[in-house]
Amino acid sequence: MIARIWRGATREADKDTYFEYLQKTGLKEYAAIPGNQGVWVLRRVYEGKTEFTLISLWDSWDAIKAFAGPDYENAVYYPEDDKFLLERGPRVIHYEVLSCPSQCIMKERPD
């Protein structure tokens, strides 16, 4: 299993609206891709901003590429992200998942 991690930040006032937007865009698209095993959405408020961290879990590199395209280390953005995001990086980080909570089903590690 592979974890794909993305981070971005909004104004604190936009935290709930942006989460609703995420549900209609990226989170919905994640769920539609075969090989996606779900996503953890983390949020913290600090200094008038809200940081979002998304940790999506994938069966394989092919599944990630089906979502992100051939340059799968690039972050995927949607049309209204510019309206909300104060901070966002051009790339994401991937990690091999070696263990997970008991409710997580580990499959053989991808090559």
C-alpha atoms as a PDB file:
ATOM      1  CA  MET A   1       0.000   0.000   0.000  1.00  0.00           C
ATOM      2  CA  ILE A   2       1.135   3.529  -0.745  1.00  0.00           C
ATOM      3  CA  ALA A   3       0.231   6.711   1.153  1.00  0.00           C
ATOM      4  CA  ARG A   4      -0.030   9.931  -0.863  1.00  0.00           C
ATOM      5  CA  ILE A   5       0.232  13.061   1.291  1.00  0.00           C
ATOM      6  CA  TRP A   6      -0.906  16.534   0.265  1.00  0.00           C
ATOM      7  CA  ARG A   7      -0.942  19.736   2.340  1.00  0.00           C
ATOM      8  CA  GLY A   8      -2.582  23.109   1.839  1.00  0.00           C
ATOM      9  CA  ALA A   9      -3.820  26.016   3.951  1.00  0.00           C
ATOM     10  CA  THR A  10      -6.859  28.299   3.832  1.00  0.00           C
ATOM     11  CA  ARG A  11      -8.071  31.261   5.848  1.00  0.00           C
ATOM     12  CA  GLU A  12      -9.585  30.100   9.130  1.00  0.00           C
ATOM     13  CA  ALA A  13     -12.938  31.562   8.049  1.00  0.00           C
ATOM     14  CA  ASP A  14     -12.955  29.241   5.002  1.00  0.00           C
ATOM     15  CA  LYS A  15     -12.227  25.992   6.858  1.00  0.00           C
ATOM     16  CA  ASP A  16     -15.734  24.496   6.652  1.00  0.00           C
ATOM     17  CA  THR A  17     -16.465  25.760   3.140  1.00  0.00           C
ATOM     18  CA  TYR A  18     -13.171  24.371   1.861  1.00  0.00           C
ATOM     19  CA  PHE A  19     -13.837  20.992   3.472  1.00  0.00           C
ATOM     20  CA  GLU A  20     -17.226  20.884   1.708  1.00  0.00           C
ATOM     21  CA  TYR A  21     -15.443  21.778  -1.538  1.00  0.00           C
ATOM     22  CA  LEU A  22     -12.902  18.973  -0.955  1.00  0.00           C
ATOM     23  CA  GLN A  23     -15.758  16.514  -0.528  1.00  0.00           C
ATOM     24  CA  LYS A  24     -17.199  17.519  -3.918  1.00  0.00           C
ATOM     25  CA  THR A  25     -13.855  17.471  -5.769  1.00  0.00           C
ATOM     26  CA  GLY A  26     -10.744  15.585  -4.682  1.00  0.00           C
ATOM     27  CA  LEU A  27     -12.311  13.270  -2.116  1.00  0.00           C
ATOM     28  CA  LYS A  28     -15.062  12.303  -4.544  1.00  0.00           C
ATOM     29  CA  GLU A  29     -12.503  11.682  -7.282  1.00  0.00           C
ATOM     30  CA  TYR A  30     -10.298   9.585  -4.960  1.00  0.00           C
ATOM     31  CA  ALA A  31     -13.256   7.337  -4.156  1.00  0.00           C
ATOM     32  CA  ALA A  32     -14.053   6.821  -7.846  1.00  0.00           C
ATOM     33  CA  ILE A  33     -10.597   5.435  -8.676  1.00  0.00           C
ATOM     34  CA  PRO A  34     -10.182   1.650  -8.445  1.00  0.00           C
ATOM     35  CA  GLY A  35      -7.341   0.926  -6.052  1.00  0.00           C
ATOM     36  CA  ASN A  36      -8.060   3.829  -3.705  1.00  0.00           C
ATOM     37  CA  GLN A  37      -8.380   2.540  -0.154  1.00  0.00           C
ATOM     38  CA  GLY A  38      -9.705   5.726   1.397  1.00  0.00           C
ATOM     39  CA  VAL A  39      -8.380   9.012   2.696  1.00  0.00           C
ATOM     40  CA  TRP A  40      -7.747  10.591   6.062  1.00  0.00           C
ATOM     41  CA  VAL A  41      -8.532  14.308   6.117  1.00  0.00           C
ATOM     42  CA  LEU A  42      -6.706  16.152   8.878  1.00  0.00           C
ATOM     43  CA  ARG A  43      -7.290  19.785   9.797  1.00  0.00           C
ATOM     44  CA  ARG A  44      -5.703  22.170  12.272  1.00  0.00           C
ATOM     45  CA  VAL A  45      -6.349  25.833  12.947  1.00  0.00           C
ATOM     46  CA  TYR A  46      -3.439  28.092  13.843  1.00  0.00           C
ATOM     47  CA  GLU A  47      -2.615  31.808  13.555  1.00  0.00           C
ATOM     48  CA  GLY A  48      -5.762  32.628  11.576  1.00  0.00           C
ATOM     49  CA  LYS A  49      -5.175  29.858   9.024  1.00  0.00           C
ATOM     50  CA  THR A  50      -6.395  26.314   8.642  1.00  0.00           C
ATOM     51  CA  GLU A  51      -3.991  23.646   7.437  1.00  0.00           C
ATOM     52  CA  PHE A  52      -5.377  20.593   5.668  1.00  0.00           C
ATOM     53  CA  THR A  53      -3.401  17.376   5.310  1.00  0.00           C
ATOM     54  CA  LEU A  54      -4.848  14.605   3.149  1.00  0.00           C
ATOM     55  CA  ILE A  55      -3.414  11.119   3.456  1.00  0.00           C
ATOM     56  CA  SER A  56      -4.854   8.943   0.722  1.00  0.00           C
ATOM     57  CA  LEU A  57      -4.131   5.217   0.573  1.00  0.00           C
ATOM     58  CA  TRP A  58      -3.597   3.352  -2.685  1.00  0.00           C
ATOM     59  CA  ASP A  59      -3.081  -0.247  -3.772  1.00  0.00           C
ATOM     60  CA  SER A  60      -0.516   0.546  -6.457  1.00  0.00           C
ATOM     61  CA  TRP A  61       1.376   3.156  -8.449  1.00  0.00           C
ATOM     62  CA  ASP A  62      -0.993   2.454 -11.344  1.00  0.00           C
ATOM     63  CA  ALA A  63      -3.956   3.448  -9.165  1.00  0.00           C
ATOM     64  CA  ILE A  64      -2.191   6.680  -8.180  1.00  0.00           C
ATOM     65  CA  LYS A  65      -1.417   7.409 -11.830  1.00  0.00           C
ATOM     66  CA  ALA A  66      -5.079   6.845 -12.706  1.00  0.00           C
ATOM     67  CA  PHE A  67      -5.871   9.699 -10.309  1.00  0.00           C
ATOM     68  CA  ALA A  68      -2.903  12.037 -10.782  1.00  0.00           C
ATOM     69  CA  GLY A  69      -1.673  11.267 -14.292  1.00  0.00           C
ATOM     70  CA  PRO A  70       1.756  10.106 -15.432  1.00  0.00           C
ATOM     71  CA  ASP A  71       3.631  12.750 -13.414  1.00  0.00           C
ATOM     72  CA  TYR A  72       2.038  11.393 -10.250  1.00  0.00           C
ATOM     73  CA  GLU A  73       4.220  13.379  -7.851  1.00  0.00           C
ATOM     74  CA  ASN A  74       2.519  16.586  -8.961  1.00  0.00           C
ATOM     75  CA  ALA A  75      -0.336  17.745  -6.768  1.00  0.00           C
ATOM     76  CA  VAL A  76      -3.797  17.705  -8.343  1.00  0.00           C
ATOM     77  CA  TYR A  77      -5.743  20.968  -8.093  1.00  0.00           C
ATOM     78  CA  TYR A  78      -9.284  21.951  -9.039  1.00  0.00           C
ATOM     79  CA  PRO A  79     -10.693  25.188 -10.542  1.00  0.00           C
ATOM     80  CA  GLU A  80     -11.742  26.874  -7.288  1.00  0.00           C
ATOM     81  CA  ASP A  81      -8.653  25.942  -5.266  1.00  0.00           C
ATOM     82  CA  ASP A  82      -7.144  29.363  -6.053  1.00  0.00           C
ATOM     83  CA  LYS A  83     -10.158  30.966  -4.363  1.00  0.00           C
ATOM     84  CA  PHE A  84      -9.416  29.150  -1.081  1.00  0.00           C
ATOM     85  CA  LEU A  85      -5.787  28.163  -0.801  1.00  0.00           C
ATOM     86  CA  LEU A  86      -3.244  30.543   0.732  1.00  0.00           C
ATOM     87  CA  GLU A  87      -0.546  27.878   0.745  1.00  0.00           C
ATOM     88  CA  ARG A  88      -0.118  24.874  -1.509  1.00  0.00           C
ATOM     89  CA  GLY A  89       2.800  22.985  -2.875  1.00  0.00           C
ATOM     90  CA  PRO A  90       3.309  21.843  -6.443  1.00  0.00           C
ATOM     91  CA  ARG A  91       4.149  18.291  -5.349  1.00  0.00           C
ATOM     92  CA  VAL A  92       2.948  15.601  -2.987  1.00  0.00           C
ATOM     93  CA  ILE A  93       4.916  13.055  -0.973  1.00  0.00           C
ATOM     94  CA  HIS A  94       4.503   9.280  -1.235  1.00  0.00           C
ATOM     95  CA  TYR A  95       5.337   6.719   1.425  1.00  0.00           C
ATOM     96  CA  GLU A  96       5.242   2.948   1.432  1.00  0.00           C
ATOM     97  CA  VAL A  97       2.836   1.825   4.170  1.00  0.00           C
ATOM     98  CA  LEU A  98       4.493  -0.862   6.279  1.00  0.00           C
ATOM     99  CA  SER A  99       1.766  -1.251   8.902  1.00  0.00           C
ATOM    100  CA  CYS A 100      -1.612   0.244   9.703  1.00  0.00           C
ATOM    101  CA  PRO A 101      -4.451   0.043  12.276  1.00  0.00           C
ATOM    102  CA  SER A 102      -6.299  -3.264  12.512  1.00  0.00           C
ATOM    103  CA  GLN A 103      -9.228  -2.019  10.378  1.00  0.00           C
ATOM    104  CA  CYS A 104      -6.825  -1.328   7.507  1.00  0.00           C
ATOM    105  CA  ILE A 105      -6.342  -4.219   5.105  1.00  0.00           C
ATOM    106  CA  MET A 106      -2.745  -4.516   3.983  1.00  0.00           C
ATOM    107  CA  LYS A 107      -2.166  -6.068   0.586  1.00  0.00           C
ATOM    108  CA  GLU A 108       1.167  -7.146  -0.787  1.00  0.00           C
ATOM    109  CA  ARG A 109       3.538  -4.230  -1.146  1.00  0.00           C
ATOM    110  CA  PRO A 110       3.609  -2.727  -4.636  1.00  0.00           C
ATOM    111  CA  ASP A 111       6.819  -2.820  -6.625  1.00  0.00           C
END
